[in-house]
PDB file of all heavy atoms in Angstrom:
ATOM      1  N   GLY A   1     -65.255  -9.111  -5.868  1.00  0.00           N
ATOM      2  CA  GLY A   1     -65.559 -10.547  -5.419  1.00  0.00           C
ATOM      3  C   GLY A   1     -64.905 -10.889  -4.136  1.00  0.00           C
ATOM      4  O   GLY A   1     -64.800 -10.045  -3.222  1.00  0.00           O
ATOM      5  N   ALA A   2     -64.414 -12.058  -3.907  1.00  0.00           N
ATOM      6  CA  ALA A   2     -63.808 -12.572  -2.797  1.00  0.00           C
ATOM      7  C   ALA A   2     -62.647 -11.651  -2.393  1.00  0.00           C
ATOM      8  O   ALA A   2     -61.893 -11.179  -3.288  1.00  0.00           O
ATOM      9  CB  ALA A   2     -63.423 -14.033  -2.837  1.00  0.00           C
ATOM     10  N   ILE A   3     -62.459 -11.507  -1.066  1.00  0.00           N
ATOM     11  CA  ILE A   3     -61.419 -10.531  -0.622  1.00  0.00           C
ATOM     12  C   ILE A   3     -59.994 -10.779  -1.090  1.00  0.00           C
ATOM     13  O   ILE A   3     -59.221  -9.943  -1.406  1.00  0.00           O
ATOM     14  CB  ILE A   3     -61.410 -10.404   0.923  1.00  0.00           C
ATOM     15  CG1 ILE A   3     -62.630  -9.747   1.442  1.00  0.00           C
ATOM     16  CG2 ILE A   3     -60.235  -9.763   1.449  1.00  0.00           C
ATOM     17  CD1 ILE A   3     -62.801  -9.564   2.922  1.00  0.00           C
ATOM     18  N   LYS A   4     -59.803 -12.131  -1.257  1.00  0.00           N
ATOM     19  CA  LYS A   4     -58.394 -12.495  -1.591  1.00  0.00           C
ATOM     20  C   LYS A   4     -57.964 -11.919  -2.984  1.00  0.00           C
ATOM     21  O   LYS A   4     -56.835 -11.792  -3.233  1.00  0.00           O
ATOM     22  CB  LYS A   4     -58.236 -14.021  -1.591  1.00  0.00           C
ATOM     23  CG  LYS A   4     -58.980 -14.739  -2.669  1.00  0.00           C
ATOM     24  CD  LYS A   4     -58.648 -16.236  -2.491  1.00  0.00           C
ATOM     25  CE  LYS A   4     -59.297 -17.019  -3.546  1.00  0.00           C
ATOM     26  NZ  LYS A   4     -58.903 -18.520  -3.433  1.00  0.00           N
ATOM     27  N   HIS A   5     -59.000 -11.519  -3.751  1.00  0.00           N
ATOM     28  CA  HIS A   5     -58.608 -10.908  -5.099  1.00  0.00           C
ATOM     29  C   HIS A   5     -58.005  -9.599  -4.947  1.00  0.00           C
ATOM     30  O   HIS A   5     -57.340  -9.008  -5.896  1.00  0.00           O
ATOM     31  CB  HIS A   5     -59.904 -10.736  -5.933  1.00  0.00           C
ATOM     32  CG  HIS A   5     -60.520 -12.073  -6.328  1.00  0.00           C
ATOM     33  ND1 HIS A   5     -59.827 -13.116  -6.585  1.00  0.00           N
ATOM     34  CD2 HIS A   5     -61.866 -12.392  -6.396  1.00  0.00           C
ATOM     35  CE1 HIS A   5     -60.657 -14.162  -6.871  1.00  0.00           C
ATOM     36  NE2 HIS A   5     -61.897 -13.712  -6.759  1.00  0.00           N
ATOM     37  N   ALA A   6     -58.186  -8.855  -3.758  1.00  0.00           N
ATOM     38  CA  ALA A   6     -57.517  -7.578  -3.553  1.00  0.00           C
ATOM     39  C   ALA A   6     -56.013  -7.700  -3.687  1.00  0.00           C
ATOM     40  O   ALA A   6     -55.310  -6.863  -4.248  1.00  0.00           O
ATOM     41  CB  ALA A   6     -57.883  -7.031  -2.217  1.00  0.00           C
ATOM     42  N   LYS A   7     -55.496  -8.778  -3.032  1.00  0.00           N
ATOM     43  CA  LYS A   7     -54.035  -8.993  -3.136  1.00  0.00           C
ATOM     44  C   LYS A   7     -53.600  -9.440  -4.567  1.00  0.00           C
ATOM     45  O   LYS A   7     -52.605  -8.978  -5.004  1.00  0.00           O
ATOM     46  CB  LYS A   7     -53.722 -10.028  -2.109  1.00  0.00           C
ATOM     47  CG  LYS A   7     -52.142 -10.400  -2.045  1.00  0.00           C
ATOM     48  CD  LYS A   7     -51.883 -11.266  -0.832  1.00  0.00           C
ATOM     49  CE  LYS A   7     -50.408 -11.658  -0.817  1.00  0.00           C
ATOM     50  NZ  LYS A   7     -50.056 -12.475   0.300  1.00  0.00           N
ATOM     51  N   GLU A   8     -54.413 -10.219  -5.179  1.00  0.00           N
ATOM     52  CA  GLU A   8     -54.103 -10.789  -6.525  1.00  0.00           C
ATOM     53  C   GLU A   8     -54.088  -9.595  -7.503  1.00  0.00           C
ATOM     54  O   GLU A   8     -53.184  -9.542  -8.488  1.00  0.00           O
ATOM     55  CB  GLU A   8     -55.093 -11.850  -6.888  1.00  0.00           C
ATOM     56  CG  GLU A   8     -55.097 -13.092  -6.041  1.00  0.00           C
ATOM     57  CD  GLU A   8     -56.295 -14.010  -6.273  1.00  0.00           C
ATOM     58  OE1 GLU A   8     -57.143 -13.591  -7.037  1.00  0.00           O
ATOM     59  OE2 GLU A   8     -56.393 -15.059  -5.634  1.00  0.00           O
ATOM     60  N   ARG A   9     -55.068  -8.736  -7.434  1.00  0.00           N
ATOM     61  CA  ARG A   9     -55.220  -7.792  -8.577  1.00  0.00           C
ATOM     62  C   ARG A   9     -54.629  -6.446  -8.263  1.00  0.00           C
ATOM     63  O   ARG A   9     -54.326  -5.691  -9.144  1.00  0.00           O
ATOM     64  CB  ARG A   9     -56.754  -7.605  -8.796  1.00  0.00           C
ATOM     65  CG  ARG A   9     -57.528  -8.794  -9.236  1.00  0.00           C
ATOM     66  CD  ARG A   9     -58.964  -8.527  -9.384  1.00  0.00           C
ATOM     67  NE  ARG A   9     -59.694  -9.769  -9.557  1.00  0.00           N
ATOM     68  CZ  ARG A   9     -61.029  -9.835  -9.611  1.00  0.00           C
ATOM     69  NH1 ARG A   9     -61.714  -8.747  -9.371  1.00  0.00           N
ATOM     70  NH2 ARG A   9     -61.674 -11.003  -9.642  1.00  0.00           N
ATOM     71  N   TYR A  10     -54.347  -6.066  -6.962  1.00  0.00           N
ATOM     72  CA  TYR A  10     -53.925  -4.795  -6.640  1.00  0.00           C
ATOM     73  C   TYR A  10     -52.731  -4.676  -5.831  1.00  0.00           C
ATOM     74  O   TYR A  10     -51.715  -4.035  -6.147  1.00  0.00           O
ATOM     75  CB  TYR A  10     -55.060  -4.030  -5.939  1.00  0.00           C
ATOM     76  CG  TYR A  10     -56.286  -3.779  -6.806  1.00  0.00           C
ATOM     77  CD1 TYR A  10     -57.407  -4.651  -6.670  1.00  0.00           C
ATOM     78  CD2 TYR A  10     -56.200  -2.821  -7.919  1.00  0.00           C
ATOM     79  CE1 TYR A  10     -58.490  -4.390  -7.488  1.00  0.00           C
ATOM     80  CE2 TYR A  10     -57.322  -2.641  -8.675  1.00  0.00           C
ATOM     81  CZ  TYR A  10     -58.485  -3.429  -8.509  1.00  0.00           C
ATOM     82  OH  TYR A  10     -59.601  -3.328  -9.357  1.00  0.00           O
ATOM     83  N   PHE A  11     -52.706  -5.396  -4.729  1.00  0.00           N
ATOM     84  CA  PHE A  11     -51.654  -5.203  -3.645  1.00  0.00           C
ATOM     85  C   PHE A  11     -50.385  -6.043  -3.830  1.00  0.00           C
ATOM     86  O   PHE A  11     -49.334  -5.637  -3.408  1.00  0.00           O
ATOM     87  CB  PHE A  11     -52.228  -5.376  -2.244  1.00  0.00           C
ATOM     88  CG  PHE A  11     -53.268  -4.381  -1.768  1.00  0.00           C
ATOM     89  CD1 PHE A  11     -54.164  -4.629  -0.816  1.00  0.00           C
ATOM     90  CD2 PHE A  11     -53.432  -3.259  -2.553  1.00  0.00           C
ATOM     91  CE1 PHE A  11     -55.050  -3.754  -0.447  1.00  0.00           C
ATOM     92  CE2 PHE A  11     -54.363  -2.270  -2.087  1.00  0.00           C
ATOM     93  CZ  PHE A  11     -55.272  -2.519  -1.058  1.00  0.00           C
ATOM     94  N   GLY A  12     -50.605  -7.242  -4.381  1.00  0.00           N
ATOM     95  CA  GLY A  12     -49.427  -8.162  -4.397  1.00  0.00           C
ATOM     96  C   GLY A  12     -48.977  -8.416  -2.947  1.00  0.00           C
ATOM     97  O   GLY A  12     -49.860  -8.499  -2.011  1.00  0.00           O
ATOM     98  N   ASP A  13     -47.637  -8.535  -2.720  1.00  0.00           N
ATOM     99  CA  ASP A  13     -47.101  -8.734  -1.436  1.00  0.00           C
ATOM    100  C   ASP A  13     -46.558  -7.477  -0.806  1.00  0.00           C
ATOM    101  O   ASP A  13     -45.939  -7.426   0.175  1.00  0.00           O
ATOM    102  CB  ASP A  13     -46.021  -9.827  -1.445  1.00  0.00           C
ATOM    103  CG  ASP A  13     -46.614 -11.271  -1.423  1.00  0.00           C
ATOM    104  OD1 ASP A  13     -47.573 -11.408  -0.830  1.00  0.00           O
ATOM    105  OD2 ASP A  13     -46.001 -12.048  -2.153  1.00  0.00           O
ATOM    106  N   SER A  14     -46.947  -6.332  -1.458  1.00  0.00           N
ATOM    107  CA  SER A  14     -46.168  -5.053  -1.146  1.00  0.00           C
ATOM    108  C   SER A  14     -46.797  -4.473   0.206  1.00  0.00           C
ATOM    109  O   SER A  14     -46.088  -3.709   0.859  1.00  0.00           O
ATOM    110  CB  SER A  14     -46.185  -4.122  -2.244  1.00  0.00           C
ATOM    111  OG  SER A  14     -47.555  -3.774  -2.600  1.00  0.00           O
ATOM    112  N   ILE A  15     -48.100  -4.671   0.456  1.00  0.00           N
ATOM    113  CA  ILE A  15     -48.772  -4.011   1.648  1.00  0.00           C
ATOM    114  C   ILE A  15     -48.699  -4.910   2.760  1.00  0.00           C
ATOM    115  O   ILE A  15     -49.502  -5.742   2.963  1.00  0.00           O
ATOM    116  CB  ILE A  15     -50.171  -3.610   1.194  1.00  0.00           C
ATOM    117  CG1 ILE A  15     -50.299  -2.943  -0.226  1.00  0.00           C
ATOM    118  CG2 ILE A  15     -50.812  -2.795   2.226  1.00  0.00           C
ATOM    119  CD1 ILE A  15     -49.462  -1.599  -0.225  1.00  0.00           C
ATOM    120  N   LYS A  16     -47.718  -4.627   3.633  1.00  0.00           N
ATOM    121  CA  LYS A  16     -47.502  -5.547   4.779  1.00  0.00           C
ATOM    122  C   LYS A  16     -48.661  -5.682   5.709  1.00  0.00           C
ATOM    123  O   LYS A  16     -48.993  -6.738   6.119  1.00  0.00           O
ATOM    124  CB  LYS A  16     -46.245  -4.871   5.614  1.00  0.00           C
ATOM    125  CG  LYS A  16     -45.938  -5.665   6.835  1.00  0.00           C
ATOM    126  CD  LYS A  16     -44.749  -4.932   7.601  1.00  0.00           C
ATOM    127  CE  LYS A  16     -44.408  -5.609   8.826  1.00  0.00           C
ATOM    128  NZ  LYS A  16     -43.357  -4.968   9.654  1.00  0.00           N
ATOM    129  N   PHE A  17     -49.359  -4.526   6.086  1.00  0.00           N
ATOM    130  CA  PHE A  17     -50.359  -4.632   7.026  1.00  0.00           C
ATOM    131  C   PHE A  17     -51.611  -5.253   6.505  1.00  0.00           C
ATOM    132  O   PHE A  17     -52.429  -5.866   7.196  1.00  0.00           O
ATOM    133  CB  PHE A  17     -50.657  -3.241   7.720  1.00  0.00           C
ATOM    134  CG  PHE A  17     -51.365  -3.384   9.028  1.00  0.00           C
ATOM    135  CD1 PHE A  17     -50.594  -3.822  10.097  1.00  0.00           C
ATOM    136  CD2 PHE A  17     -52.757  -3.256   9.113  1.00  0.00           C
ATOM    137  CE1 PHE A  17     -51.258  -3.963  11.419  1.00  0.00           C
ATOM    138  CE2 PHE A  17     -53.351  -3.430  10.353  1.00  0.00           C
ATOM    139  CZ  PHE A  17     -52.587  -3.742  11.516  1.00  0.00           C
ATOM    140  N   TRP A  18     -51.836  -5.024   5.111  1.00  0.00           N
ATOM    141  CA  TRP A  18     -52.957  -5.740   4.498  1.00  0.00           C
ATOM    142  C   TRP A  18     -52.786  -7.247   4.684  1.00  0.00           C
ATOM    143  O   TRP A  18     -53.730  -8.019   4.973  1.00  0.00           O
ATOM    144  CB  TRP A  18     -53.086  -5.347   2.989  1.00  0.00           C
ATOM    145  CG  TRP A  18     -54.179  -6.065   2.384  1.00  0.00           C
ATOM    146  CD1 TRP A  18     -54.183  -7.288   1.676  1.00  0.00           C
ATOM    147  CD2 TRP A  18     -55.601  -5.637   2.365  1.00  0.00           C
ATOM    148  NE1 TRP A  18     -55.480  -7.672   1.266  1.00  0.00           N
ATOM    149  CE2 TRP A  18     -56.377  -6.623   1.636  1.00  0.00           C
ATOM    150  CE3 TRP A  18     -56.308  -4.477   2.739  1.00  0.00           C
ATOM    151  CZ2 TRP A  18     -57.702  -6.479   1.328  1.00  0.00           C
ATOM    152  CZ3 TRP A  18     -57.679  -4.402   2.593  1.00  0.00           C
ATOM    153  CH2 TRP A  18     -58.376  -5.361   1.799  1.00  0.00           C
ATOM    154  N   ASN A  19     -51.457  -7.753   4.438  1.00  0.00           N
ATOM    155  CA  ASN A  19     -51.214  -9.151   4.597  1.00  0.00           C
ATOM    156  C   ASN A  19     -51.506  -9.575   6.010  1.00  0.00           C
ATOM    157  O   ASN A  19     -52.071 -10.627   6.303  1.00  0.00           O
ATOM    158  CB  ASN A  19     -49.846  -9.431   4.284  1.00  0.00           C
ATOM    159  CG  ASN A  19     -49.610  -9.280   2.723  1.00  0.00           C
ATOM    160  OD1 ASN A  19     -50.445  -9.227   1.913  1.00  0.00           O
ATOM    161  ND2 ASN A  19     -48.275  -9.144   2.390  1.00  0.00           N
ATOM    162  N   ALA A  20     -51.173  -8.690   6.982  1.00  0.00           N
ATOM    163  CA  ALA A  20     -51.442  -9.013   8.464  1.00  0.00           C
ATOM    164  C   ALA A  20     -52.974  -9.145   8.660  1.00  0.00           C
ATOM    165  O   ALA A  20     -53.376 -10.024   9.398  1.00  0.00           O
ATOM    166  CB  ALA A  20     -50.744  -8.008   9.298  1.00  0.00           C
ATOM    167  N   LEU A  21     -53.651  -8.221   8.032  1.00  0.00           N
ATOM    168  CA  LEU A  21     -55.122  -8.237   8.271  1.00  0.00           C
ATOM    169  C   LEU A  21     -55.749  -9.593   7.751  1.00  0.00           C
ATOM    170  O   LEU A  21     -56.527 -10.153   8.401  1.00  0.00           O
ATOM    171  CB  LEU A  21     -55.785  -7.101   7.538  1.00  0.00           C
ATOM    172  CG  LEU A  21     -55.617  -5.715   8.129  1.00  0.00           C
ATOM    173  CD1 LEU A  21     -56.057  -4.701   7.044  1.00  0.00           C
ATOM    174  CD2 LEU A  21     -56.525  -5.503   9.341  1.00  0.00           C
ATOM    175  N   MET A  22     -55.207 -10.063   6.703  1.00  0.00           N
ATOM    176  CA  MET A  22     -55.605 -11.296   6.037  1.00  0.00           C
ATOM    177  C   MET A  22     -55.198 -12.574   6.832  1.00  0.00           C
ATOM    178  O   MET A  22     -55.887 -13.540   6.864  1.00  0.00           O
ATOM    179  CB  MET A  22     -55.239 -11.482   4.533  1.00  0.00           C
ATOM    180  CG  MET A  22     -55.698 -10.285   3.643  1.00  0.00           C
ATOM    181  SD  MET A  22     -57.524 -10.231   3.536  1.00  0.00           S
ATOM    182  CE  MET A  22     -57.946  -8.850   4.691  1.00  0.00           C
ATOM    183  N   GLU A  23     -54.072 -12.455   7.481  1.00  0.00           N
ATOM    184  CA  GLU A  23     -53.548 -13.562   8.224  1.00  0.00           C
ATOM    185  C   GLU A  23     -54.117 -13.747   9.637  1.00  0.00           C
ATOM    186  O   GLU A  23     -53.980 -14.750  10.305  1.00  0.00           O
ATOM    187  CB  GLU A  23     -52.032 -13.433   8.274  1.00  0.00           C
ATOM    188  CG  GLU A  23     -51.326 -13.627   6.877  1.00  0.00           C
ATOM    189  CD  GLU A  23     -49.891 -13.200   6.895  1.00  0.00           C
ATOM    190  OE1 GLU A  23     -49.428 -12.795   7.972  1.00  0.00           O
ATOM    191  OE2 GLU A  23     -49.336 -13.188   5.814  1.00  0.00           O
ATOM    192  N   HIS A  24     -54.674 -12.552  10.161  1.00  0.00           N
ATOM    193  CA  HIS A  24     -55.099 -12.640  11.568  1.00  0.00           C
ATOM    194  C   HIS A  24     -56.590 -12.273  11.641  1.00  0.00           C
ATOM    195  O   HIS A  24     -57.019 -11.242  11.954  1.00  0.00           O
ATOM    196  CB  HIS A  24     -54.261 -11.604  12.377  1.00  0.00           C
ATOM    197  CG  HIS A  24     -52.823 -11.921  12.445  1.00  0.00           C
ATOM    198  ND1 HIS A  24     -52.259 -12.872  13.177  1.00  0.00           N
ATOM    199  CD2 HIS A  24     -51.808 -11.368  11.643  1.00  0.00           C
ATOM    200  CE1 HIS A  24     -50.931 -12.955  13.039  1.00  0.00           C
ATOM    201  NE2 HIS A  24     -50.637 -12.092  12.053  1.00  0.00           N
ATOM    202  N   GLY A  25     -57.433 -13.321  11.303  1.00  0.00           N
ATOM    203  CA  GLY A  25     -58.823 -13.087  11.201  1.00  0.00           C
ATOM    204  C   GLY A  25     -59.563 -13.287  12.457  1.00  0.00           C
ATOM    205  O   GLY A  25     -60.810 -13.285  12.583  1.00  0.00           O
ATOM    206  N   VAL A  26     -58.946 -13.655  13.647  1.00  0.00           N
ATOM    207  CA  VAL A  26     -59.425 -13.723  14.944  1.00  0.00           C
ATOM    208  C   VAL A  26     -58.641 -12.886  15.913  1.00  0.00           C
ATOM    209  O   VAL A  26     -57.534 -12.438  15.565  1.00  0.00           O
ATOM    210  CB  VAL A  26     -59.400 -15.213  15.378  1.00  0.00           C
ATOM    211  CG1 VAL A  26     -60.291 -16.142  14.393  1.00  0.00           C
ATOM    212  CG2 VAL A  26     -58.055 -15.782  15.523  1.00  0.00           C
ATOM    213  N   LEU A  27     -59.059 -12.827  17.203  1.00  0.00           N
ATOM    214  CA  LEU A  27     -58.500 -12.048  18.143  1.00  0.00           C
ATOM    215  C   LEU A  27     -57.344 -12.810  18.718  1.00  0.00           C
ATOM    216  O   LEU A  27     -57.456 -13.508  19.756  1.00  0.00           O
ATOM    217  CB  LEU A  27     -59.434 -11.593  19.212  1.00  0.00           C
ATOM    218  CG  LEU A  27     -58.864 -10.661  20.350  1.00  0.00           C
ATOM    219  CD1 LEU A  27     -58.372  -9.348  19.727  1.00  0.00           C
ATOM    220  CD2 LEU A  27     -59.870 -10.414  21.284  1.00  0.00           C
ATOM    221  N   ASP A  28     -56.186 -12.820  18.043  1.00  0.00           N
ATOM    222  CA  ASP A  28     -54.993 -13.648  18.427  1.00  0.00           C
ATOM    223  C   ASP A  28     -53.945 -12.793  19.054  1.00  0.00           C
ATOM    224  O   ASP A  28     -54.187 -11.639  19.362  1.00  0.00           O
ATOM    225  CB  ASP A  28     -54.506 -14.398  17.254  1.00  0.00           C
ATOM    226  CG  ASP A  28     -54.111 -13.471  15.998  1.00  0.00           C
ATOM    227  OD1 ASP A  28     -53.889 -12.271  16.295  1.00  0.00           O
ATOM    228  OD2 ASP A  28     -53.876 -14.023  14.980  1.00  0.00           O
ATOM    229  N   THR A  29     -52.839 -13.374  19.331  1.00  0.00           N
ATOM    230  CA  THR A  29     -51.698 -12.569  20.005  1.00  0.00           C
ATOM    231  C   THR A  29     -51.283 -11.326  19.234  1.00  0.00           C
ATOM    232  O   THR A  29     -50.813 -10.387  19.816  1.00  0.00           O
ATOM    233  CB  THR A  29     -50.526 -13.455  20.252  1.00  0.00           C
ATOM    234  OG1 THR A  29     -50.055 -14.021  19.034  1.00  0.00           O
ATOM    235  CG2 THR A  29     -50.946 -14.552  21.268  1.00  0.00           C
ATOM    236  N   PHE A  30     -51.443 -11.372  17.825  1.00  0.00           N
ATOM    237  CA  PHE A  30     -51.054 -10.219  17.145  1.00  0.00           C
ATOM    238  C   PHE A  30     -51.902  -8.968  17.462  1.00  0.00           C
ATOM    239  O   PHE A  30     -51.360  -7.964  17.665  1.00  0.00           O
ATOM    240  CB  PHE A  30     -51.314 -10.553  15.622  1.00  0.00           C
ATOM    241  CG  PHE A  30     -51.116  -9.448  14.632  1.00  0.00           C
ATOM    242  CD1 PHE A  30     -49.802  -9.106  14.164  1.00  0.00           C
ATOM    243  CD2 PHE A  30     -52.153  -8.633  14.239  1.00  0.00           C
ATOM    244  CE1 PHE A  30     -49.627  -8.031  13.314  1.00  0.00           C
ATOM    245  CE2 PHE A  30     -51.887  -7.482  13.331  1.00  0.00           C
ATOM    246  CZ  PHE A  30     -50.581  -7.308  12.896  1.00  0.00           C
ATOM    247  N   TRP A  31     -53.182  -9.164  17.601  1.00  0.00           N
ATOM    248  CA  TRP A  31     -54.020  -7.998  17.921  1.00  0.00           C
ATOM    249  C   TRP A  31     -53.974  -7.763  19.451  1.00  0.00           C
ATOM    250  O   TRP A  31     -53.994  -6.586  19.804  1.00  0.00           O
ATOM    251  CB  TRP A  31     -55.566  -8.403  17.677  1.00  0.00           C
ATOM    252  CG  TRP A  31     -55.747  -8.540  16.194  1.00  0.00           C
ATOM    253  CD1 TRP A  31     -56.186  -9.699  15.452  1.00  0.00           C
ATOM    254  CD2 TRP A  31     -55.664  -7.518  15.226  1.00  0.00           C
ATOM    255  NE1 TRP A  31     -56.240  -9.429  14.165  1.00  0.00           N
ATOM    256  CE2 TRP A  31     -56.030  -8.112  13.968  1.00  0.00           C
ATOM    257  CE3 TRP A  31     -55.398  -6.166  15.236  1.00  0.00           C
ATOM    258  CZ2 TRP A  31     -56.014  -7.415  12.734  1.00  0.00           C
ATOM    259  CZ3 TRP A  31     -55.305  -5.505  14.041  1.00  0.00           C
ATOM    260  CH2 TRP A  31     -55.628  -6.021  12.837  1.00  0.00           C
ATOM    261  N   LYS A  32     -53.862  -8.762  20.303  1.00  0.00           N
ATOM    262  CA  LYS A  32     -53.756  -8.481  21.714  1.00  0.00           C
ATOM    263  C   LYS A  32     -52.494  -7.656  22.076  1.00  0.00           C
ATOM    264  O   LYS A  32     -52.485  -6.884  23.033  1.00  0.00           O
ATOM    265  CB  LYS A  32     -53.787  -9.801  22.462  1.00  0.00           C
ATOM    266  CG  LYS A  32     -55.146 -10.464  22.466  1.00  0.00           C
ATOM    267  CD  LYS A  32     -55.214 -11.812  23.175  1.00  0.00           C
ATOM    268  CE  LYS A  32     -56.521 -12.520  23.091  1.00  0.00           C
ATOM    269  NZ  LYS A  32     -56.506 -13.815  23.809  1.00  0.00           N
ATOM    270  N   ALA A  33     -51.392  -7.925  21.333  1.00  0.00           N
ATOM    271  CA  ALA A  33     -50.165  -7.137  21.581  1.00  0.00           C
ATOM    272  C   ALA A  33     -50.304  -5.702  21.273  1.00  0.00           C
ATOM    273  O   ALA A  33     -49.551  -4.856  21.805  1.00  0.00           O
ATOM    274  CB  ALA A  33     -49.081  -7.829  20.730  1.00  0.00           C
ATOM    275  N   ARG A  34     -51.285  -5.337  20.445  1.00  0.00           N
ATOM    276  CA  ARG A  34     -51.584  -4.052  20.116  1.00  0.00           C
ATOM    277  C   ARG A  34     -52.675  -3.307  20.934  1.00  0.00           C
ATOM    278  O   ARG A  34     -53.061  -2.212  20.458  1.00  0.00           O
ATOM    279  CB  ARG A  34     -51.868  -4.063  18.526  1.00  0.00           C
ATOM    280  CG  ARG A  34     -50.644  -4.250  17.680  1.00  0.00           C
ATOM    281  CD  ARG A  34     -50.881  -4.675  16.354  1.00  0.00           C
ATOM    282  NE  ARG A  34     -49.702  -4.708  15.521  1.00  0.00           N
ATOM    283  CZ  ARG A  34     -48.754  -5.618  15.555  1.00  0.00           C
ATOM    284  NH1 ARG A  34     -48.958  -6.659  16.490  1.00  0.00           N
ATOM    285  NH2 ARG A  34     -47.621  -5.558  14.958  1.00  0.00           N
ATOM    286  N   GLU A  35     -53.164  -3.943  21.987  1.00  0.00           N
ATOM    287  CA  GLU A  35     -54.159  -3.309  22.761  1.00  0.00           C
ATOM    288  C   GLU A  35     -53.422  -2.382  23.767  1.00  0.00           C
ATOM    289  O   GLU A  35     -53.046  -2.740  24.906  1.00  0.00           O
ATOM    290  CB  GLU A  35     -54.917  -4.447  23.521  1.00  0.00           C
ATOM    291  CG  GLU A  35     -55.793  -5.226  22.596  1.00  0.00           C
ATOM    292  CD  GLU A  35     -56.517  -6.387  23.299  1.00  0.00           C
ATOM    293  OE1 GLU A  35     -56.402  -6.451  24.607  1.00  0.00           O
ATOM    294  OE2 GLU A  35     -57.175  -7.212  22.632  1.00  0.00           O
ATOM    295  N   ILE A  36     -53.332  -1.155  23.428  1.00  0.00           N
ATOM    296  CA  ILE A  36     -52.775  -0.151  24.324  1.00  0.00           C
ATOM    297  C   ILE A  36     -53.426   0.045  25.604  1.00  0.00           C
ATOM    298  O   ILE A  36     -52.867   0.411  26.655  1.00  0.00           O
ATOM    299  CB  ILE A  36     -52.591   1.235  23.483  1.00  0.00           C
ATOM    300  CG1 ILE A  36     -51.711   2.217  24.348  1.00  0.00           C
ATOM    301  CG2 ILE A  36     -53.856   1.794  23.262  1.00  0.00           C
ATOM    302  CD1 ILE A  36     -50.266   1.673  24.551  1.00  0.00           C
ATOM    303  N   THR A  37     -54.770  -0.251  25.551  1.00  0.00           N
ATOM    304  CA  THR A  37     -55.570   0.031  26.792  1.00  0.00           C
ATOM    305  C   THR A  37     -55.217  -0.721  27.955  1.00  0.00           C
ATOM    306  O   THR A  37     -55.170  -0.302  29.127  1.00  0.00           O
ATOM    307  CB  THR A  37     -57.132  -0.221  26.492  1.00  0.00           C
ATOM    308  OG1 THR A  37     -57.220  -1.563  25.912  1.00  0.00           O
ATOM    309  CG2 THR A  37     -57.622   0.819  25.572  1.00  0.00           C
ATOM    310  N   ARG A  38     -54.652  -2.014  27.798  1.00  0.00           N
ATOM    311  CA  ARG A  38     -54.203  -2.850  28.961  1.00  0.00           C
ATOM    312  C   ARG A  38     -53.008  -2.232  29.606  1.00  0.00           C
ATOM    313  O   ARG A  38     -52.602  -2.627  30.744  1.00  0.00           O
ATOM    314  CB  ARG A  38     -53.975  -4.263  28.488  1.00  0.00           C
ATOM    315  CG  ARG A  38     -52.804  -4.414  27.480  1.00  0.00           C
ATOM    316  CD  ARG A  38     -52.543  -5.894  27.219  1.00  0.00           C
ATOM    317  NE  ARG A  38     -53.779  -6.477  26.537  1.00  0.00           N
ATOM    318  CZ  ARG A  38     -54.016  -7.793  26.501  1.00  0.00           C
ATOM    319  NH1 ARG A  38     -53.295  -8.568  27.270  1.00  0.00           N
ATOM    320  NH2 ARG A  38     -55.111  -8.245  25.930  1.00  0.00           N
ATOM    321  N   HIS A  39     -52.302  -1.244  29.017  1.00  0.00           N
ATOM    322  CA  HIS A  39     -51.117  -0.698  29.604  1.00  0.00           C
ATOM    323  C   HIS A  39     -51.389   0.695  30.154  1.00  0.00           C
ATOM    324  O   HIS A  39     -50.444   1.361  30.639  1.00  0.00           O
ATOM    325  CB  HIS A  39     -50.038  -0.585  28.478  1.00  0.00           C
ATOM    326  CG  HIS A  39     -49.613  -1.782  27.830  1.00  0.00           C
ATOM    327  ND1 HIS A  39     -48.789  -2.680  28.511  1.00  0.00           N
ATOM    328  CD2 HIS A  39     -49.961  -2.396  26.692  1.00  0.00           C
ATOM    329  CE1 HIS A  39     -48.668  -3.877  27.742  1.00  0.00           C
ATOM    330  NE2 HIS A  39     -49.352  -3.643  26.605  1.00  0.00           N
TER     331      HIS A  39
END
C-alpha cells in the first residue's frame, strides 16, 4: 500500500538512508550537496 507502511512494517527507524529518502522528496540541499558533478 502507501509507502509509509514500509517503515511501519519492516524498517522501523533503523534504516537511516530510507528515512532520508522519505524526508527529502524534492531536490533540496540534501540532494544538491551530493551532486559530485558540480565538483
